[in-house]
Amino acid sequence: MPNFKKPNYNQDTMVVINFEEQIRPGTFEFVLHKLIEERLDLTPFYELYHNDHSGRSAYDPAILLKITLFGYYHGICTSRDIEWAC
């Protein structure tokens, strides 16, 4: 199993924002989150990672895909602009 950084949607240590409370049903963000977490098979992405026993933990491809698609939805099309917007 690849070694990914564990997402914490209830993060309240640095910035008091609970991701699960921020997205409302019926919005693009909610649908995107549910679609990627519950319906999309990301196995081909996971198979590319070989850091099970060594190396630094990576960001989960699901998180990166959400950020990328969210950026595209808002007209941000380059990775540099998406990085800046984060």
PDB file of N, CA and C in Angstrom:
ATOM      1  N   MET A   1       0.846  -1.181   0.000  1.00  0.00           N
ATOM      2  CA  MET A   1       0.000   0.000   0.000  1.00  0.00           C
ATOM      3  C   MET A   1       0.888   1.240   0.000  1.00  0.00           C
ATOM      4  N   PRO A   2       0.648   2.177  -0.895  1.00  0.00           N
ATOM      5  CA  PRO A   2       1.453   3.391  -0.955  1.00  0.00           C
ATOM      6  C   PRO A   2       1.356   4.195   0.340  1.00  0.00           C
ATOM      7  N   ASN A   3       2.381   4.962   0.603  1.00  0.00           N
ATOM      8  CA  ASN A   3       2.448   5.782   1.798  1.00  0.00           C
ATOM      9  C   ASN A   3       2.018   7.204   1.450  1.00  0.00           C
ATOM     10  N   PHE A   4       0.773   7.568   1.797  1.00  0.00           N
ATOM     11  CA  PHE A   4       0.250   8.902   1.511  1.00  0.00           C
ATOM     12  C   PHE A   4       0.118   9.708   2.789  1.00  0.00           C
ATOM     13  N   LYS A   5       0.203  11.017   2.668  1.00  0.00           N
ATOM     14  CA  LYS A   5      -0.119  11.891   3.790  1.00  0.00           C
ATOM     15  C   LYS A   5      -1.600  11.719   4.066  1.00  0.00           C
ATOM     16  N   LYS A   6      -1.965  11.604   5.310  1.00  0.00           N
ATOM     17  CA  LYS A   6      -3.364  11.378   5.657  1.00  0.00           C
ATOM     18  C   LYS A   6      -4.121  12.702   5.643  1.00  0.00           C
ATOM     19  N   PRO A   7      -5.201  12.801   4.830  1.00  0.00           N
ATOM     20  CA  PRO A   7      -5.978  14.042   4.835  1.00  0.00           C
ATOM     21  C   PRO A   7      -6.747  14.168   6.144  1.00  0.00           C
ATOM     22  N   ASN A   8      -6.796  15.373   6.660  1.00  0.00           N
ATOM     23  CA  ASN A   8      -7.536  15.631   7.885  1.00  0.00           C
ATOM     24  C   ASN A   8      -8.594  16.676   7.574  1.00  0.00           C
ATOM     25  N   TYR A   9      -9.799  16.221   7.250  1.00  0.00           N
ATOM     26  CA  TYR A   9     -10.868  17.140   6.889  1.00  0.00           C
ATOM     27  C   TYR A   9     -11.426  17.864   8.100  1.00  0.00           C
ATOM     28  N   ASN A  10     -11.064  17.440   9.286  1.00  0.00           N
ATOM     29  CA  ASN A  10     -11.503  18.107  10.512  1.00  0.00           C
ATOM     30  C   ASN A  10     -10.375  18.934  11.105  1.00  0.00           C
ATOM     31  N   GLN A  11      -9.479  19.385  10.260  1.00  0.00           N
ATOM     32  CA  GLN A  11      -8.312  20.137  10.706  1.00  0.00           C
ATOM     33  C   GLN A  11      -8.749  21.406  11.417  1.00  0.00           C
ATOM     34  N   ASP A  12      -8.240  21.591  12.591  1.00  0.00           N
ATOM     35  CA  ASP A  12      -8.544  22.816  13.326  1.00  0.00           C
ATOM     36  C   ASP A  12      -7.336  23.260  14.146  1.00  0.00           C
ATOM     37  N   THR A  13      -6.144  22.876  13.709  1.00  0.00           N
ATOM     38  CA  THR A  13      -4.961  23.231  14.473  1.00  0.00           C
ATOM     39  C   THR A  13      -4.367  24.568  14.051  1.00  0.00           C
ATOM     40  N   MET A  14      -4.168  24.798  12.752  1.00  0.00           N
ATOM     41  CA  MET A  14      -3.597  26.068  12.313  1.00  0.00           C
ATOM     42  C   MET A  14      -4.685  27.079  11.994  1.00  0.00           C
ATOM     43  N   VAL A  15      -5.606  26.672  11.170  1.00  0.00           N
ATOM     44  CA  VAL A  15      -6.709  27.535  10.769  1.00  0.00           C
ATOM     45  C   VAL A  15      -7.986  26.810  11.162  1.00  0.00           C
ATOM     46  N   VAL A  16      -8.838  27.495  11.841  1.00  0.00           N
ATOM     47  CA  VAL A  16     -10.049  26.841  12.337  1.00  0.00           C
ATOM     48  C   VAL A  16     -11.088  26.793  11.214  1.00  0.00           C
ATOM     49  N   ILE A  17     -10.880  25.858  10.293  1.00  0.00           N
ATOM     50  CA  ILE A  17     -11.814  25.624   9.199  1.00  0.00           C
ATOM     51  C   ILE A  17     -12.024  24.125   9.108  1.00  0.00           C
ATOM     52  N   ASN A  18     -13.243  23.716   9.235  1.00  0.00           N
ATOM     53  CA  ASN A  18     -13.583  22.305   9.103  1.00  0.00           C
ATOM     54  C   ASN A  18     -14.111  22.102   7.692  1.00  0.00           C
ATOM     55  N   PHE A  19     -13.346  21.397   6.872  1.00  0.00           N
ATOM     56  CA  PHE A  19     -13.703  21.220   5.467  1.00  0.00           C
ATOM     57  C   PHE A  19     -15.084  20.603   5.303  1.00  0.00           C
ATOM     58  N   GLU A  20     -15.394  19.601   6.115  1.00  0.00           N
ATOM     59  CA  GLU A  20     -16.684  18.912   6.000  1.00  0.00           C
ATOM     60  C   GLU A  20     -17.853  19.859   6.263  1.00  0.00           C
ATOM     61  N   GLU A  21     -17.640  20.878   7.090  1.00  0.00           N
ATOM     62  CA  GLU A  21     -18.705  21.842   7.381  1.00  0.00           C
ATOM     63  C   GLU A  21     -18.790  22.941   6.327  1.00  0.00           C
ATOM     64  N   GLN A  22     -17.747  23.122   5.542  1.00  0.00           N
ATOM     65  CA  GLN A  22     -17.700  24.215   4.574  1.00  0.00           C
ATOM     66  C   GLN A  22     -18.420  23.908   3.267  1.00  0.00           C
ATOM     67  N   ILE A  23     -18.424  22.656   2.859  1.00  0.00           N
ATOM     68  CA  ILE A  23     -19.071  22.335   1.587  1.00  0.00           C
ATOM     69  C   ILE A  23     -20.532  21.970   1.839  1.00  0.00           C
ATOM     70  N   ARG A  24     -21.405  22.589   1.061  1.00  0.00           N
ATOM     71  CA  ARG A  24     -22.842  22.358   1.223  1.00  0.00           C
ATOM     72  C   ARG A  24     -23.345  21.429   0.133  1.00  0.00           C
ATOM     73  N   PRO A  25     -24.284  20.556   0.479  1.00  0.00           N
ATOM     74  CA  PRO A  25     -24.884  19.674  -0.535  1.00  0.00           C
ATOM     75  C   PRO A  25     -25.465  20.487  -1.689  1.00  0.00           C
ATOM     76  N   GLY A  26     -25.284  19.972  -2.889  1.00  0.00           N
ATOM     77  CA  GLY A  26     -25.809  20.631  -4.076  1.00  0.00           C
ATOM     78  C   GLY A  26     -24.821  21.548  -4.764  1.00  0.00           C
ATOM     79  N   THR A  27     -23.683  21.814  -4.140  1.00  0.00           N
ATOM     80  CA  THR A  27     -22.682  22.675  -4.764  1.00  0.00           C
ATOM     81  C   THR A  27     -21.697  21.830  -5.568  1.00  0.00           C
ATOM     82  N   PHE A  28     -20.967  22.481  -6.458  1.00  0.00           N
ATOM     83  CA  PHE A  28     -19.964  21.779  -7.253  1.00  0.00           C
ATOM     84  C   PHE A  28     -18.918  21.124  -6.350  1.00  0.00           C
ATOM     85  N   GLU A  29     -18.503  21.837  -5.316  1.00  0.00           N
ATOM     86  CA  GLU A  29     -17.481  21.315  -4.410  1.00  0.00           C
ATOM     87  C   GLU A  29     -17.947  20.031  -3.732  1.00  0.00           C
ATOM     88  N   PHE A  30     -19.193  19.999  -3.303  1.00  0.00           N
ATOM     89  CA  PHE A  30     -19.749  18.818  -2.637  1.00  0.00           C
ATOM     90  C   PHE A  30     -19.776  17.631  -3.600  1.00  0.00           C
ATOM     91  N   VAL A  31     -20.277  17.875  -4.807  1.00  0.00           N
ATOM     92  CA  VAL A  31     -20.369  16.809  -5.806  1.00  0.00           C
ATOM     93  C   VAL A  31     -18.976  16.304  -6.178  1.00  0.00           C
ATOM     94  N   LEU A  32     -18.042  17.210  -6.368  1.00  0.00           N
ATOM     95  CA  LEU A  32     -16.667  16.826  -6.705  1.00  0.00           C
ATOM     96  C   LEU A  32     -16.060  15.963  -5.600  1.00  0.00           C
ATOM     97  N   HIS A  33     -16.223  16.376  -4.361  1.00  0.00           N
ATOM     98  CA  HIS A  33     -15.687  15.619  -3.219  1.00  0.00           C
ATOM     99  C   HIS A  33     -16.306  14.227  -3.148  1.00  0.00           C
ATOM    100  N   LYS A  34     -17.623  14.147  -3.231  1.00  0.00           N
ATOM    101  CA  LYS A  34     -18.307  12.852  -3.135  1.00  0.00           C
ATOM    102  C   LYS A  34     -17.969  11.952  -4.326  1.00  0.00           C
ATOM    103  N   LEU A  35     -17.922  12.528  -5.513  1.00  0.00           N
ATOM    104  CA  LEU A  35     -17.616  11.755  -6.713  1.00  0.00           C
ATOM    105  C   LEU A  35     -16.228  11.117  -6.617  1.00  0.00           C
ATOM    106  N   ILE A  36     -15.246  11.900  -6.249  1.00  0.00           N
ATOM    107  CA  ILE A  36     -13.882  11.381  -6.188  1.00  0.00           C
ATOM    108  C   ILE A  36     -13.707  10.414  -5.020  1.00  0.00           C
ATOM    109  N   GLU A  37     -14.307  10.702  -3.881  1.00  0.00           N
ATOM    110  CA  GLU A  37     -14.137   9.844  -2.702  1.00  0.00           C
ATOM    111  C   GLU A  37     -14.926   8.541  -2.793  1.00  0.00           C
ATOM    112  N   GLU A  38     -16.113   8.583  -3.402  1.00  0.00           N
ATOM    113  CA  GLU A  38     -17.001   7.430  -3.325  1.00  0.00           C
ATOM    114  C   GLU A  38     -17.232   6.691  -4.643  1.00  0.00           C
ATOM    115  N   ARG A  39     -17.017   7.336  -5.782  1.00  0.00           N
ATOM    116  CA  ARG A  39     -17.381   6.709  -7.053  1.00  0.00           C
ATOM    117  C   ARG A  39     -16.211   6.443  -7.985  1.00  0.00           C
ATOM    118  N   LEU A  40     -15.183   7.236  -7.901  1.00  0.00           N
ATOM    119  CA  LEU A  40     -14.079   7.141  -8.847  1.00  0.00           C
ATOM    120  C   LEU A  40     -13.046   6.120  -8.369  1.00  0.00           C
ATOM    121  N   ASP A  41     -12.642   5.239  -9.261  1.00  0.00           N
ATOM    122  CA  ASP A  41     -11.622   4.240  -8.943  1.00  0.00           C
ATOM    123  C   ASP A  41     -10.250   4.811  -9.298  1.00  0.00           C
ATOM    124  N   LEU A  42      -9.477   5.135  -8.291  1.00  0.00           N
ATOM    125  CA  LEU A  42      -8.161   5.732  -8.507  1.00  0.00           C
ATOM    126  C   LEU A  42      -7.032   4.704  -8.421  1.00  0.00           C
ATOM    127  N   THR A  43      -7.370   3.429  -8.519  1.00  0.00           N
ATOM    128  CA  THR A  43      -6.375   2.357  -8.428  1.00  0.00           C
ATOM    129  C   THR A  43      -5.218   2.546  -9.411  1.00  0.00           C
ATOM    130  N   PRO A  44      -5.459   2.947 -10.675  1.00  0.00           N
ATOM    131  CA  PRO A  44      -4.316   3.144 -11.587  1.00  0.00           C
ATOM    132  C   PRO A  44      -3.314   4.183 -11.068  1.00  0.00           C
ATOM    133  N   PHE A  45      -3.790   5.207 -10.368  1.00  0.00           N
ATOM    134  CA  PHE A  45      -2.883   6.193  -9.783  1.00  0.00           C
ATOM    135  C   PHE A  45      -2.101   5.582  -8.625  1.00  0.00           C
ATOM    136  N   TYR A  46      -2.807   4.856  -7.751  1.00  0.00           N
ATOM    137  CA  TYR A  46      -2.174   4.281  -6.568  1.00  0.00           C
ATOM    138  C   TYR A  46      -1.099   3.267  -6.944  1.00  0.00           C
ATOM    139  N   GLU A  47      -1.295   2.558  -8.036  1.00  0.00           N
ATOM    140  CA  GLU A  47      -0.327   1.545  -8.460  1.00  0.00           C
ATOM    141  C   GLU A  47       1.007   2.152  -8.900  1.00  0.00           C
ATOM    142  N   LEU A  48       1.012   3.439  -9.213  1.00  0.00           N
ATOM    143  CA  LEU A  48       2.241   4.106  -9.648  1.00  0.00           C
ATOM    144  C   LEU A  48       3.162   4.457  -8.485  1.00  0.00           C
ATOM    145  N   TYR A  49       2.643   4.430  -7.264  1.00  0.00           N
ATOM    146  CA  TYR A  49       3.432   4.804  -6.093  1.00  0.00           C
ATOM    147  C   TYR A  49       4.147   3.585  -5.528  1.00  0.00           C
ATOM    148  N   HIS A  50       5.435   3.760  -5.240  1.00  0.00           N
ATOM    149  CA  HIS A  50       6.243   2.671  -4.692  1.00  0.00           C
ATOM    150  C   HIS A  50       7.001   3.163  -3.458  1.00  0.00           C
ATOM    151  N   ASN A  51       6.297   3.823  -2.564  1.00  0.00           N
ATOM    152  CA  ASN A  51       6.940   4.333  -1.354  1.00  0.00           C
ATOM    153  C   ASN A  51       6.370   3.658  -0.108  1.00  0.00           C
ATOM    154  N   ASP A  52       6.047   2.376  -0.239  1.00  0.00           N
ATOM    155  CA  ASP A  52       5.452   1.632   0.872  1.00  0.00           C
ATOM    156  C   ASP A  52       6.361   1.586   2.097  1.00  0.00           C
ATOM    157  N   HIS A  53       7.624   1.301   1.877  1.00  0.00           N
ATOM    158  CA  HIS A  53       8.529   1.043   2.992  1.00  0.00           C
ATOM    159  C   HIS A  53       9.602   2.109   3.156  1.00  0.00           C
ATOM    160  N   SER A  54       9.770   2.942   2.177  1.00  0.00           N
ATOM    161  CA  SER A  54      10.788   3.980   2.288  1.00  0.00           C
ATOM    162  C   SER A  54      10.326   5.211   1.528  1.00  0.00           C
ATOM    163  N   GLY A  55      10.994   6.273   1.785  1.00  0.00           N
ATOM    164  CA  GLY A  55      10.656   7.517   1.108  1.00  0.00           C
ATOM    165  C   GLY A  55       9.625   8.315   1.881  1.00  0.00           C
ATOM    166  N   ARG A  56       9.486   9.537   1.475  1.00  0.00           N
ATOM    167  CA  ARG A  56       8.560  10.446   2.132  1.00  0.00           C
ATOM    168  C   ARG A  56       7.137  10.141   1.703  1.00  0.00           C
ATOM    169  N   SER A  57       6.196  10.373   2.596  1.00  0.00           N
ATOM    170  CA  SER A  57       4.799  10.148   2.239  1.00  0.00           C
ATOM    171  C   SER A  57       4.365  11.179   1.199  1.00  0.00           C
ATOM    172  N   ALA A  58       3.532  10.743   0.278  1.00  0.00           N
ATOM    173  CA  ALA A  58       3.085  11.586  -0.832  1.00  0.00           C
ATOM    174  C   ALA A  58       1.680  12.108  -0.553  1.00  0.00           C
ATOM    175  N   TYR A  59       1.278  13.097  -1.310  1.00  0.00           N
ATOM    176  CA  TYR A  59      -0.106  13.559  -1.238  1.00  0.00           C
ATOM    177  C   TYR A  59      -0.981  12.559  -1.972  1.00  0.00           C
ATOM    178  N   ASP A  60      -2.128  12.286  -1.420  1.00  0.00           N
ATOM    179  CA  ASP A  60      -3.077  11.355  -2.022  1.00  0.00           C
ATOM    180  C   ASP A  60      -3.522  11.908  -3.377  1.00  0.00           C
ATOM    181  N   PRO A  61      -3.479  11.102  -4.432  1.00  0.00           N
ATOM    182  CA  PRO A  61      -3.922  11.568  -5.744  1.00  0.00           C
ATOM    183  C   PRO A  61      -5.356  12.094  -5.742  1.00  0.00           C
ATOM    184  N   ALA A  62      -6.199  11.600  -4.856  1.00  0.00           N
ATOM    185  CA  ALA A  62      -7.577  12.094  -4.778  1.00  0.00           C
ATOM    186  C   ALA A  62      -7.595  13.571  -4.402  1.00  0.00           C
ATOM    187  N   ILE A  63      -6.749  13.972  -3.455  1.00  0.00           N
ATOM    188  CA  ILE A  63      -6.672  15.373  -3.040  1.00  0.00           C
ATOM    189  C   ILE A  63      -6.162  16.231  -4.194  1.00  0.00           C
ATOM    190  N   LEU A  64      -5.116  15.761  -4.861  1.00  0.00           N
ATOM    191  CA  LEU A  64      -4.547  16.524  -5.973  1.00  0.00           C
ATOM    192  C   LEU A  64      -5.542  16.656  -7.123  1.00  0.00           C
ATOM    193  N   LEU A  65      -6.299  15.595  -7.387  1.00  0.00           N
ATOM    194  CA  LEU A  65      -7.304  15.641  -8.443  1.00  0.00           C
ATOM    195  C   LEU A  65      -8.411  16.633  -8.097  1.00  0.00           C
ATOM    196  N   LYS A  66      -8.830  16.650  -6.845  1.00  0.00           N
ATOM    197  CA  LYS A  66      -9.857  17.612  -6.412  1.00  0.00           C
ATOM    198  C   LYS A  66      -9.379  19.043  -6.605  1.00  0.00           C
ATOM    199  N   ILE A  67      -8.140  19.314  -6.209  1.00  0.00           N
ATOM    200  CA  ILE A  67      -7.592  20.666  -6.349  1.00  0.00           C
ATOM    201  C   ILE A  67      -7.515  21.062  -7.818  1.00  0.00           C
ATOM    202  N   THR A  68      -7.041  20.151  -8.664  1.00  0.00           N
ATOM    203  CA  THR A  68      -6.901  20.439 -10.093  1.00  0.00           C
ATOM    204  C   THR A  68      -8.255  20.697 -10.746  1.00  0.00           C
ATOM    205  N   LEU A  69      -9.218  19.824 -10.512  1.00  0.00           N
ATOM    206  CA  LEU A  69     -10.539  19.994 -11.126  1.00  0.00           C
ATOM    207  C   LEU A  69     -11.259  21.225 -10.590  1.00  0.00           C
ATOM    208  N   PHE A  70     -11.076  21.524  -9.318  1.00  0.00           N
ATOM    209  CA  PHE A  70     -11.671  22.726  -8.742  1.00  0.00           C
ATOM    210  C   PHE A  70     -11.080  23.971  -9.400  1.00  0.00           C
ATOM    211  N   GLY A  71      -9.770  23.954  -9.615  1.00  0.00           N
ATOM    212  CA  GLY A  71      -9.127  25.071 -10.299  1.00  0.00           C
ATOM    213  C   GLY A  71      -9.639  25.234 -11.718  1.00  0.00           C
ATOM    214  N   TYR A  72      -9.737  24.132 -12.452  1.00  0.00           N
ATOM    215  CA  TYR A  72     -10.260  24.187 -13.822  1.00  0.00           C
ATOM    216  C   TYR A  72     -11.681  24.731 -13.838  1.00  0.00           C
ATOM    217  N   TYR A  73     -12.488  24.312 -12.890  1.00  0.00           N
ATOM    218  CA  TYR A  73     -13.882  24.769 -12.809  1.00  0.00           C
ATOM    219  C   TYR A  73     -13.951  26.288 -12.652  1.00  0.00           C
ATOM    220  N   HIS A  74     -12.985  26.842 -11.943  1.00  0.00           N
ATOM    221  CA  HIS A  74     -12.967  28.284 -11.709  1.00  0.00           C
ATOM    222  C   HIS A  74     -12.103  29.030 -12.728  1.00  0.00           C
ATOM    223  N   GLY A  75     -11.711  28.352 -13.805  1.00  0.00           N
ATOM    224  CA  GLY A  75     -10.975  29.008 -14.875  1.00  0.00           C
ATOM    225  C   GLY A  75      -9.486  29.144 -14.620  1.00  0.00           C
ATOM    226  N   ILE A  76      -8.970  28.452 -13.623  1.00  0.00           N
ATOM    227  CA  ILE A  76      -7.538  28.471 -13.339  1.00  0.00           C
ATOM    228  C   ILE A  76      -6.951  27.226 -13.994  1.00  0.00           C
ATOM    229  N   CYS A  77      -6.189  27.422 -15.047  1.00  0.00           N
ATOM    230  CA  CYS A  77      -5.802  26.279 -15.879  1.00  0.00           C
ATOM    231  C   CYS A  77      -4.341  25.875 -15.790  1.00  0.00           C
ATOM    232  N   THR A  78      -3.484  26.697 -15.219  1.00  0.00           N
ATOM    233  CA  THR A  78      -2.082  26.305 -15.130  1.00  0.00           C
ATOM    234  C   THR A  78      -1.759  25.856 -13.711  1.00  0.00           C
ATOM    235  N   SER A  79      -0.821  24.944 -13.605  1.00  0.00           N
ATOM    236  CA  SER A  79      -0.456  24.432 -12.282  1.00  0.00           C
ATOM    237  C   SER A  79       0.145  25.522 -11.404  1.00  0.00           C
ATOM    238  N   ARG A  80       0.857  26.451 -11.996  1.00  0.00           N
ATOM    239  CA  ARG A  80       1.425  27.553 -11.206  1.00  0.00           C
ATOM    240  C   ARG A  80       0.330  28.438 -10.634  1.00  0.00           C
ATOM    241  N   ASP A  81      -0.678  28.729 -11.444  1.00  0.00           N
ATOM    242  CA  ASP A  81      -1.787  29.551 -10.947  1.00  0.00           C
ATOM    243  C   ASP A  81      -2.596  28.811  -9.888  1.00  0.00           C
ATOM    244  N   ILE A  82      -2.763  27.502 -10.066  1.00  0.00           N
ATOM    245  CA  ILE A  82      -3.474  26.709  -9.058  1.00  0.00           C
ATOM    246  C   ILE A  82      -2.677  26.718  -7.759  1.00  0.00           C
ATOM    247  N   GLU A  83      -1.359  26.561  -7.860  1.00  0.00           N
ATOM    248  CA  GLU A  83      -0.516  26.601  -6.659  1.00  0.00           C
ATOM    249  C   GLU A  83      -0.643  27.951  -5.964  1.00  0.00           C
ATOM    250  N   TRP A  84      -0.620  29.020  -6.725  1.00  0.00           N
ATOM    251  CA  TRP A  84      -0.723  30.359  -6.152  1.00  0.00           C
ATOM    252  C   TRP A  84      -2.078  30.553  -5.469  1.00  0.00           C
ATOM    253  N   ALA A  85      -3.134  30.011  -6.067  1.00  0.00           N
ATOM    254  CA  ALA A  85      -4.479  30.161  -5.503  1.00  0.00           C
ATOM    255  C   ALA A  85      -4.653  29.377  -4.203  1.00  0.00           C
ATOM    256  N   CYS A  86      -3.861  28.324  -4.040  1.00  0.00           N
ATOM    257  CA  CYS A  86      -3.969  27.529  -2.803  1.00  0.00           C
ATOM    258  C   CYS A  86      -3.380  28.290  -1.651  1.00  0.00           C
TER     259      CYS A  86
END
